[in-house]
Amino acid sequence: MRAGPYLFAALLAALATLAGCAAAPRPPAHSVEGDTIAAQAAALVGRPYQFGGADGAGFDCSGLALYVHERVGLTIPRTAAEQQRAARPIAPGQLEPGDLVFFRIHKRSVDHVGIYAGDGRFIHAPRRGVAVMYSNLASGFYARHLAGAGRFWGPATQPR
């Protein structure tokens, strides 16, 4: 019986199929650093808004981003516009918890920032009289004002 060549061909086909599966792209795993940034922000939901605030007593939007990044050992710029310029740009479809989302609310330049929490939600200190809270990126207001996203954590970023 001459099954040898046929068996060999079948094995080669099976190995090629398995090799193709091994090379298939996998969705990115969440970063421990990014998850920690998002968790730090979530722990601050309900804290008061304070213009210029960047500590437990209260936060403005960029102060909140600054504070949670400092908790994981990263130093980032102080204002939303500076944070946007310094961050590594991230496409909206690539957002992961811990990324920053930037908005143009009142100006032509970036003037608001939030911390992406996953599932289309972000945490921010919106304005005077409103505590740190979750909002939805898909909401009409925030979707219209979204200016981009950026990241300070991860393998390509070193603590500053």
N, C-alpha and C. Protein backbone atom coordinates (compact mmCIF):
# COMPACT_ATOMS: atom_id res chain seq x y z
N MET A 1 0.85 -1.17 0.00
CA MET A 1 0.00 0.00 0.00
C MET A 1 0.89 1.23 0.00
N ARG A 2 0.52 2.22 -0.79
CA ARG A 2 1.37 3.40 -0.96
C ARG A 2 0.77 4.60 -0.23
N ALA A 3 0.48 4.49 1.03
CA ALA A 3 -0.10 5.59 1.81
C ALA A 3 0.94 6.60 2.22
N GLY A 4 2.21 6.25 2.13
CA GLY A 4 3.27 7.14 2.58
C GLY A 4 3.22 8.54 2.00
N PRO A 5 3.23 8.71 0.67
CA PRO A 5 3.21 10.06 0.09
C PRO A 5 1.93 10.83 0.43
N TYR A 6 0.81 10.10 0.47
CA TYR A 6 -0.47 10.77 0.76
C TYR A 6 -0.52 11.22 2.22
N LEU A 7 -0.03 10.35 3.10
CA LEU A 7 0.01 10.69 4.52
C LEU A 7 0.94 11.89 4.76
N PHE A 8 2.08 11.88 4.07
CA PHE A 8 3.04 12.98 4.19
C PHE A 8 2.40 14.30 3.71
N ALA A 9 1.68 14.28 2.60
CA ALA A 9 1.01 15.47 2.07
C ALA A 9 -0.05 15.96 3.03
N ALA A 10 -0.81 15.04 3.64
CA ALA A 10 -1.85 15.43 4.60
C ALA A 10 -1.23 16.08 5.83
N LEU A 11 -0.10 15.53 6.29
CA LEU A 11 0.59 16.12 7.44
C LEU A 11 1.11 17.52 7.13
N LEU A 12 1.67 17.70 5.94
CA LEU A 12 2.14 19.03 5.54
C LEU A 12 0.99 20.03 5.49
N ALA A 13 -0.14 19.62 4.95
CA ALA A 13 -1.31 20.51 4.88
C ALA A 13 -1.79 20.88 6.28
N ALA A 14 -1.81 19.91 7.20
CA ALA A 14 -2.24 20.18 8.57
C ALA A 14 -1.27 21.14 9.26
N LEU A 15 0.03 20.92 9.07
CA LEU A 15 1.02 21.82 9.67
C LEU A 15 0.91 23.23 9.11
N ALA A 16 0.67 23.36 7.82
CA ALA A 16 0.51 24.70 7.22
C ALA A 16 -0.71 25.40 7.79
N THR A 17 -1.77 24.64 8.00
CA THR A 17 -2.98 25.23 8.59
C THR A 17 -2.71 25.69 10.01
N LEU A 18 -2.04 24.86 10.80
CA LEU A 18 -1.71 25.24 12.18
C LEU A 18 -0.78 26.44 12.22
N ALA A 19 0.17 26.50 11.34
CA ALA A 19 1.10 27.64 11.30
C ALA A 19 0.33 28.91 10.98
N GLY A 20 -0.65 28.82 10.09
CA GLY A 20 -1.48 29.98 9.77
C GLY A 20 -2.25 30.47 10.98
N CYS A 21 -2.74 29.53 11.80
CA CYS A 21 -3.47 29.91 13.00
C CYS A 21 -2.55 30.60 14.00
N ALA A 22 -1.34 30.11 14.12
CA ALA A 22 -0.40 30.70 15.08
C ALA A 22 -0.04 32.12 14.70
N ALA A 23 -0.05 32.42 13.40
CA ALA A 23 0.34 33.76 12.95
C ALA A 23 -0.84 34.73 12.94
N ALA A 24 -2.04 34.25 13.22
CA ALA A 24 -3.22 35.12 13.20
C ALA A 24 -3.08 36.20 14.26
N PRO A 25 -3.42 37.47 13.93
CA PRO A 25 -3.30 38.53 14.92
C PRO A 25 -4.28 38.33 16.07
N ARG A 26 -3.81 38.66 17.23
CA ARG A 26 -4.65 38.56 18.42
C ARG A 26 -4.98 39.96 18.90
N PRO A 27 -6.16 40.13 19.52
CA PRO A 27 -6.47 41.46 20.05
C PRO A 27 -5.47 41.84 21.12
N PRO A 28 -5.12 43.14 21.22
CA PRO A 28 -4.12 43.54 22.22
C PRO A 28 -4.62 43.27 23.63
N ALA A 29 -3.73 42.78 24.45
CA ALA A 29 -4.07 42.58 25.86
C ALA A 29 -4.00 43.93 26.55
N HIS A 30 -4.86 44.13 27.51
CA HIS A 30 -4.82 45.38 28.25
C HIS A 30 -3.53 45.47 29.03
N SER A 31 -3.02 46.67 29.13
CA SER A 31 -1.80 46.90 29.87
C SER A 31 -2.12 47.03 31.36
N VAL A 32 -1.30 46.42 32.18
CA VAL A 32 -1.46 46.57 33.62
C VAL A 32 -1.34 48.04 33.99
N GLU A 33 -0.38 48.73 33.37
CA GLU A 33 -0.17 50.16 33.65
C GLU A 33 -1.41 50.97 33.25
N GLY A 34 -1.95 50.73 32.06
CA GLY A 34 -3.15 51.44 31.62
C GLY A 34 -4.35 51.13 32.50
N ASP A 35 -4.51 49.85 32.85
CA ASP A 35 -5.61 49.46 33.74
C ASP A 35 -5.48 50.14 35.11
N THR A 36 -4.24 50.26 35.59
CA THR A 36 -4.02 50.92 36.89
C THR A 36 -4.38 52.40 36.81
N ILE A 37 -4.01 53.06 35.72
CA ILE A 37 -4.38 54.46 35.53
C ILE A 37 -5.90 54.61 35.55
N ALA A 38 -6.59 53.76 34.81
CA ALA A 38 -8.06 53.83 34.76
C ALA A 38 -8.67 53.54 36.13
N ALA A 39 -8.11 52.57 36.86
CA ALA A 39 -8.62 52.24 38.20
C ALA A 39 -8.40 53.39 39.17
N GLN A 40 -7.23 54.05 39.07
CA GLN A 40 -6.97 55.21 39.93
C GLN A 40 -8.00 56.31 39.67
N ALA A 41 -8.29 56.53 38.39
CA ALA A 41 -9.29 57.55 38.04
C ALA A 41 -10.67 57.16 38.56
N ALA A 42 -11.03 55.88 38.40
CA ALA A 42 -12.34 55.41 38.87
C ALA A 42 -12.50 55.62 40.37
N ALA A 43 -11.42 55.45 41.12
CA ALA A 43 -11.47 55.63 42.57
C ALA A 43 -11.73 57.08 42.96
N LEU A 44 -11.54 58.00 42.02
CA LEU A 44 -11.72 59.43 42.30
C LEU A 44 -13.08 59.96 41.85
N VAL A 45 -13.91 59.11 41.25
CA VAL A 45 -15.25 59.53 40.85
C VAL A 45 -15.98 60.03 42.09
N GLY A 46 -16.59 61.20 41.96
CA GLY A 46 -17.29 61.82 43.08
C GLY A 46 -16.50 62.91 43.78
N ARG A 47 -15.18 62.96 43.53
CA ARG A 47 -14.38 64.04 44.12
C ARG A 47 -14.77 65.36 43.47
N PRO A 48 -14.63 66.44 44.20
CA PRO A 48 -15.10 67.74 43.67
C PRO A 48 -14.21 68.29 42.56
N TYR A 49 -14.84 69.08 41.70
CA TYR A 49 -14.09 69.85 40.72
C TYR A 49 -13.45 71.01 41.45
N GLN A 50 -12.20 71.29 41.14
CA GLN A 50 -11.50 72.44 41.69
C GLN A 50 -10.59 72.98 40.60
N PHE A 51 -10.83 74.20 40.15
CA PHE A 51 -10.00 74.80 39.12
C PHE A 51 -8.55 74.81 39.59
N GLY A 52 -7.65 74.26 38.77
CA GLY A 52 -6.24 74.17 39.14
C GLY A 52 -5.91 73.03 40.08
N GLY A 53 -6.92 72.24 40.46
CA GLY A 53 -6.71 71.16 41.42
C GLY A 53 -6.05 69.94 40.81
N ALA A 54 -5.12 69.37 41.56
CA ALA A 54 -4.43 68.16 41.09
C ALA A 54 -4.07 67.28 42.28
N ASP A 55 -4.96 67.25 43.29
CA ASP A 55 -4.72 66.40 44.45
C ASP A 55 -6.06 65.94 45.01
N GLY A 56 -6.01 65.17 46.07
CA GLY A 56 -7.21 64.59 46.65
C GLY A 56 -8.30 65.57 47.05
N ALA A 57 -7.94 66.85 47.22
CA ALA A 57 -8.94 67.86 47.61
C ALA A 57 -9.87 68.22 46.45
N GLY A 58 -9.42 68.02 45.22
CA GLY A 58 -10.24 68.32 44.05
C GLY A 58 -9.39 68.40 42.81
N PHE A 59 -10.06 68.33 41.67
CA PHE A 59 -9.36 68.24 40.39
C PHE A 59 -10.02 69.10 39.33
N ASP A 60 -9.18 69.63 38.44
CA ASP A 60 -9.70 70.05 37.14
C ASP A 60 -9.34 68.91 36.19
N CYS A 61 -9.73 69.02 34.93
CA CYS A 61 -9.58 67.87 34.02
C CYS A 61 -8.12 67.44 33.85
N SER A 62 -7.24 68.38 33.58
CA SER A 62 -5.84 68.00 33.35
C SER A 62 -5.14 67.65 34.65
N GLY A 63 -5.59 68.22 35.76
CA GLY A 63 -5.05 67.85 37.07
C GLY A 63 -5.37 66.41 37.42
N LEU A 64 -6.55 65.96 37.03
CA LEU A 64 -6.94 64.56 37.25
C LEU A 64 -6.03 63.63 36.44
N ALA A 65 -5.80 63.96 35.17
CA ALA A 65 -4.92 63.15 34.33
C ALA A 65 -3.50 63.13 34.90
N LEU A 66 -3.01 64.28 35.31
CA LEU A 66 -1.68 64.40 35.90
C LEU A 66 -1.57 63.51 37.15
N TYR A 67 -2.55 63.62 38.04
CA TYR A 67 -2.54 62.90 39.32
C TYR A 67 -2.51 61.39 39.12
N VAL A 68 -3.38 60.86 38.24
CA VAL A 68 -3.42 59.40 38.09
C VAL A 68 -2.17 58.87 37.39
N HIS A 69 -1.58 59.65 36.50
CA HIS A 69 -0.33 59.21 35.88
C HIS A 69 0.81 59.22 36.90
N GLU A 70 0.83 60.20 37.78
CA GLU A 70 1.86 60.23 38.82
C GLU A 70 1.77 59.01 39.72
N ARG A 71 0.56 58.48 39.93
CA ARG A 71 0.38 57.31 40.80
C ARG A 71 1.07 56.08 40.23
N VAL A 72 1.30 56.03 38.91
CA VAL A 72 2.01 54.89 38.31
C VAL A 72 3.44 55.26 37.92
N GLY A 73 3.90 56.41 38.39
CA GLY A 73 5.29 56.79 38.17
C GLY A 73 5.57 57.53 36.87
N LEU A 74 4.53 58.05 36.22
CA LEU A 74 4.72 58.80 34.98
C LEU A 74 4.46 60.28 35.23
N THR A 75 5.36 61.11 34.73
CA THR A 75 5.18 62.55 34.81
C THR A 75 4.71 63.03 33.45
N ILE A 76 3.60 63.74 33.44
CA ILE A 76 3.06 64.27 32.19
C ILE A 76 2.88 65.78 32.33
N PRO A 77 2.72 66.49 31.23
CA PRO A 77 2.52 67.95 31.31
C PRO A 77 1.24 68.31 32.08
N ARG A 78 1.11 69.59 32.41
CA ARG A 78 0.01 70.02 33.27
C ARG A 78 -1.29 70.31 32.54
N THR A 79 -1.27 70.96 31.40
CA THR A 79 -2.54 71.37 30.77
C THR A 79 -2.99 70.34 29.73
N ALA A 80 -4.29 70.37 29.42
CA ALA A 80 -4.85 69.45 28.44
C ALA A 80 -4.15 69.60 27.08
N ALA A 81 -3.92 70.84 26.65
CA ALA A 81 -3.27 71.06 25.35
C ALA A 81 -1.84 70.53 25.36
N GLU A 82 -1.10 70.75 26.45
CA GLU A 82 0.27 70.23 26.55
C GLU A 82 0.28 68.71 26.60
N GLN A 83 -0.69 68.14 27.30
CA GLN A 83 -0.79 66.68 27.38
C GLN A 83 -1.04 66.09 26.00
N GLN A 84 -1.91 66.72 25.23
CA GLN A 84 -2.20 66.22 23.89
C GLN A 84 -0.96 66.29 23.00
N ARG A 85 -0.25 67.38 23.07
CA ARG A 85 0.96 67.53 22.23
C ARG A 85 2.04 66.52 22.60
N ALA A 86 2.16 66.19 23.88
CA ALA A 86 3.24 65.31 24.35
C ALA A 86 2.89 63.82 24.26
N ALA A 87 1.62 63.48 24.22
CA ALA A 87 1.21 62.07 24.23
C ALA A 87 1.48 61.42 22.88
N ARG A 88 1.68 60.11 22.91
CA ARG A 88 1.79 59.32 21.68
C ARG A 88 0.37 59.17 21.13
N PRO A 89 0.09 59.64 19.92
CA PRO A 89 -1.28 59.58 19.38
C PRO A 89 -1.79 58.15 19.28
N ILE A 90 -3.07 57.99 19.58
CA ILE A 90 -3.74 56.69 19.51
C ILE A 90 -5.00 56.88 18.67
N ALA A 91 -5.21 55.99 17.72
CA ALA A 91 -6.43 56.03 16.91
C ALA A 91 -7.62 55.69 17.81
N PRO A 92 -8.77 56.33 17.60
CA PRO A 92 -9.93 56.04 18.45
C PRO A 92 -10.29 54.56 18.52
N GLY A 93 -10.09 53.83 17.44
CA GLY A 93 -10.38 52.40 17.45
C GLY A 93 -9.39 51.57 18.25
N GLN A 94 -8.28 52.16 18.67
CA GLN A 94 -7.24 51.46 19.43
C GLN A 94 -7.23 51.85 20.91
N LEU A 95 -8.22 52.59 21.36
CA LEU A 95 -8.26 53.04 22.75
C LEU A 95 -8.24 51.87 23.73
N GLU A 96 -7.45 52.03 24.77
CA GLU A 96 -7.39 51.08 25.87
C GLU A 96 -7.55 51.86 27.17
N PRO A 97 -8.02 51.19 28.22
CA PRO A 97 -8.12 51.88 29.51
C PRO A 97 -6.79 52.52 29.88
N GLY A 98 -6.87 53.73 30.39
CA GLY A 98 -5.67 54.48 30.77
C GLY A 98 -5.23 55.48 29.72
N ASP A 99 -5.75 55.37 28.50
CA ASP A 99 -5.44 56.36 27.47
C ASP A 99 -6.16 57.67 27.79
N LEU A 100 -5.63 58.75 27.27
CA LEU A 100 -6.28 60.05 27.44
C LEU A 100 -7.09 60.38 26.20
N VAL A 101 -8.27 60.97 26.42
CA VAL A 101 -9.10 61.45 25.31
C VAL A 101 -9.18 62.96 25.42
N PHE A 102 -9.01 63.64 24.29
CA PHE A 102 -8.89 65.09 24.26
C PHE A 102 -10.07 65.71 23.51
N PHE A 103 -10.50 66.87 24.00
CA PHE A 103 -11.67 67.55 23.44
C PHE A 103 -11.39 69.02 23.21
N ARG A 104 -12.09 69.56 22.24
CA ARG A 104 -12.16 71.00 22.01
C ARG A 104 -13.57 71.41 22.38
N ILE A 105 -13.74 71.97 23.57
CA ILE A 105 -15.07 72.32 24.06
C ILE A 105 -15.37 73.79 23.80
N HIS A 106 -14.48 74.67 24.25
CA HIS A 106 -14.73 76.12 24.17
C HIS A 106 -13.78 76.84 23.23
N LYS A 107 -12.74 76.17 22.77
CA LYS A 107 -11.70 76.83 21.97
C LYS A 107 -11.43 76.02 20.71
N ARG A 108 -10.60 76.60 19.85
CA ARG A 108 -10.15 75.85 18.67
C ARG A 108 -9.04 74.87 19.03
N SER A 109 -8.39 75.09 20.17
CA SER A 109 -7.35 74.17 20.63
C SER A 109 -7.94 73.26 21.71
N VAL A 110 -7.23 72.19 22.03
CA VAL A 110 -7.68 71.26 23.06
C VAL A 110 -7.78 71.99 24.39
N ASP A 111 -8.93 71.84 25.04
CA ASP A 111 -9.12 72.50 26.34
C ASP A 111 -9.77 71.58 27.38
N HIS A 112 -9.88 70.28 27.05
CA HIS A 112 -10.46 69.34 28.01
C HIS A 112 -9.85 67.96 27.77
N VAL A 113 -9.70 67.19 28.85
CA VAL A 113 -9.11 65.85 28.77
C VAL A 113 -9.84 64.92 29.74
N GLY A 114 -9.93 63.66 29.36
CA GLY A 114 -10.48 62.62 30.23
C GLY A 114 -9.62 61.37 30.14
N ILE A 115 -9.85 60.43 31.04
CA ILE A 115 -9.11 59.16 31.08
C ILE A 115 -10.06 58.07 30.59
N TYR A 116 -9.67 57.39 29.52
CA TYR A 116 -10.51 56.34 28.97
C TYR A 116 -10.59 55.18 29.96
N ALA A 117 -11.83 54.69 30.21
CA ALA A 117 -12.06 53.64 31.19
C ALA A 117 -12.45 52.31 30.55
N GLY A 118 -12.68 52.31 29.24
CA GLY A 118 -13.14 51.10 28.55
C GLY A 118 -14.63 51.18 28.25
N ASP A 119 -15.08 50.34 27.35
CA ASP A 119 -16.49 50.27 26.97
C ASP A 119 -17.07 51.61 26.53
N GLY A 120 -16.25 52.44 25.90
CA GLY A 120 -16.75 53.72 25.39
C GLY A 120 -16.92 54.80 26.43
N ARG A 121 -16.48 54.54 27.66
CA ARG A 121 -16.64 55.53 28.73
C ARG A 121 -15.30 56.13 29.13
N PHE A 122 -15.36 57.36 29.63
CA PHE A 122 -14.16 58.01 30.14
C PHE A 122 -14.51 58.74 31.43
N ILE A 123 -13.47 59.00 32.22
CA ILE A 123 -13.61 59.66 33.52
C ILE A 123 -12.98 61.03 33.40
N HIS A 124 -13.69 62.05 33.91
CA HIS A 124 -13.16 63.42 33.80
C HIS A 124 -13.75 64.31 34.88
N ALA A 125 -13.13 65.47 35.02
CA ALA A 125 -13.62 66.53 35.91
C ALA A 125 -14.19 67.60 34.98
N PRO A 126 -15.50 67.58 34.72
CA PRO A 126 -16.05 68.38 33.63
C PRO A 126 -16.03 69.90 33.83
N ARG A 127 -16.46 70.37 34.98
CA ARG A 127 -16.56 71.82 35.17
C ARG A 127 -16.93 72.13 36.61
N ARG A 128 -16.81 73.40 36.94
CA ARG A 128 -17.16 73.88 38.28
C ARG A 128 -18.57 73.42 38.64
N GLY A 129 -18.71 72.90 39.85
CA GLY A 129 -20.02 72.46 40.33
C GLY A 129 -20.37 71.02 39.97
N VAL A 130 -19.53 70.35 39.19
CA VAL A 130 -19.80 68.96 38.81
C VAL A 130 -18.59 68.12 39.23
N ALA A 131 -18.85 67.09 40.01
CA ALA A 131 -17.78 66.23 40.52
C ALA A 131 -17.18 65.37 39.41
N VAL A 132 -16.03 64.79 39.69
CA VAL A 132 -15.39 63.83 38.78
C VAL A 132 -16.43 62.74 38.48
N MET A 133 -16.55 62.42 37.18
CA MET A 133 -17.62 61.51 36.76
C MET A 133 -17.25 60.73 35.52
N TYR A 134 -18.07 59.72 35.22
CA TYR A 134 -18.00 59.00 33.95
C TYR A 134 -18.86 59.72 32.92
N SER A 135 -18.42 59.70 31.68
CA SER A 135 -19.23 60.14 30.55
C SER A 135 -18.99 59.17 29.40
N ASN A 136 -19.84 59.26 28.38
CA ASN A 136 -19.77 58.35 27.25
C ASN A 136 -19.20 59.06 26.04
N LEU A 137 -18.19 58.47 25.41
CA LEU A 137 -17.59 59.07 24.21
C LEU A 137 -18.59 59.17 23.06
N ALA A 138 -19.56 58.30 23.02
CA ALA A 138 -20.52 58.29 21.92
C ALA A 138 -21.64 59.30 22.13
N SER A 139 -21.72 59.93 23.30
CA SER A 139 -22.77 60.91 23.52
C SER A 139 -22.59 62.03 22.49
N GLY A 140 -23.66 62.59 22.02
CA GLY A 140 -23.59 63.60 20.98
C GLY A 140 -22.61 64.72 21.29
N PHE A 141 -22.66 65.26 22.50
CA PHE A 141 -21.80 66.38 22.87
C PHE A 141 -20.33 66.00 22.79
N TYR A 142 -19.96 64.92 23.46
CA TYR A 142 -18.53 64.54 23.48
C TYR A 142 -18.07 63.99 22.14
N ALA A 143 -18.91 63.29 21.43
CA ALA A 143 -18.53 62.80 20.09
C ALA A 143 -18.24 63.97 19.16
N ARG A 144 -19.04 65.04 19.25
CA ARG A 144 -18.83 66.22 18.39
C ARG A 144 -17.56 66.98 18.74
N HIS A 145 -17.13 66.93 19.99
CA HIS A 145 -15.98 67.72 20.44
C HIS A 145 -14.70 66.92 20.58
N LEU A 146 -14.74 65.61 20.31
CA LEU A 146 -13.53 64.78 20.43
C LEU A 146 -12.46 65.26 19.45
N ALA A 147 -11.25 65.51 19.97
CA ALA A 147 -10.15 66.02 19.15
C ALA A 147 -9.05 64.98 18.96
N GLY A 148 -9.10 63.86 19.67
CA GLY A 148 -8.08 62.84 19.53
C GLY A 148 -7.85 62.10 20.84
N ALA A 149 -6.87 61.21 20.80
CA ALA A 149 -6.52 60.41 21.97
C ALA A 149 -5.01 60.21 22.00
N GLY A 150 -4.49 59.95 23.19
CA GLY A 150 -3.06 59.75 23.33
C GLY A 150 -2.73 58.87 24.52
N ARG A 151 -1.47 58.45 24.56
CA ARG A 151 -1.02 57.51 25.59
C ARG A 151 0.36 57.91 26.09
N PHE A 152 0.54 57.80 27.40
CA PHE A 152 1.85 58.03 28.02
C PHE A 152 2.46 56.74 28.57
N TRP A 153 1.68 55.71 28.71
CA TRP A 153 2.15 54.44 29.29
C TRP A 153 2.47 53.47 28.16
N GLY A 154 3.10 52.38 28.53
CA GLY A 154 3.36 51.33 27.56
C GLY A 154 4.83 51.23 27.20
N PRO A 155 5.16 50.23 26.40
CA PRO A 155 6.57 49.93 26.13
C PRO A 155 7.34 51.04 25.42
N ALA A 156 6.67 51.85 24.61
CA ALA A 156 7.39 52.90 23.87
C ALA A 156 7.55 54.16 24.69
N THR A 157 7.00 54.18 25.89
CA THR A 157 7.05 55.38 26.72
C THR A 157 7.88 55.11 27.96
N GLN A 158 8.81 55.96 28.25
CA GLN A 158 9.62 55.85 29.46
C GLN A 158 9.14 56.89 30.46
N PRO A 159 9.21 56.59 31.76
CA PRO A 159 8.86 57.60 32.76
C PRO A 159 9.69 58.87 32.53
N ARG A 160 9.06 60.00 32.74
CA ARG A 160 9.74 61.28 32.51
C ARG A 160 10.07 61.95 33.81
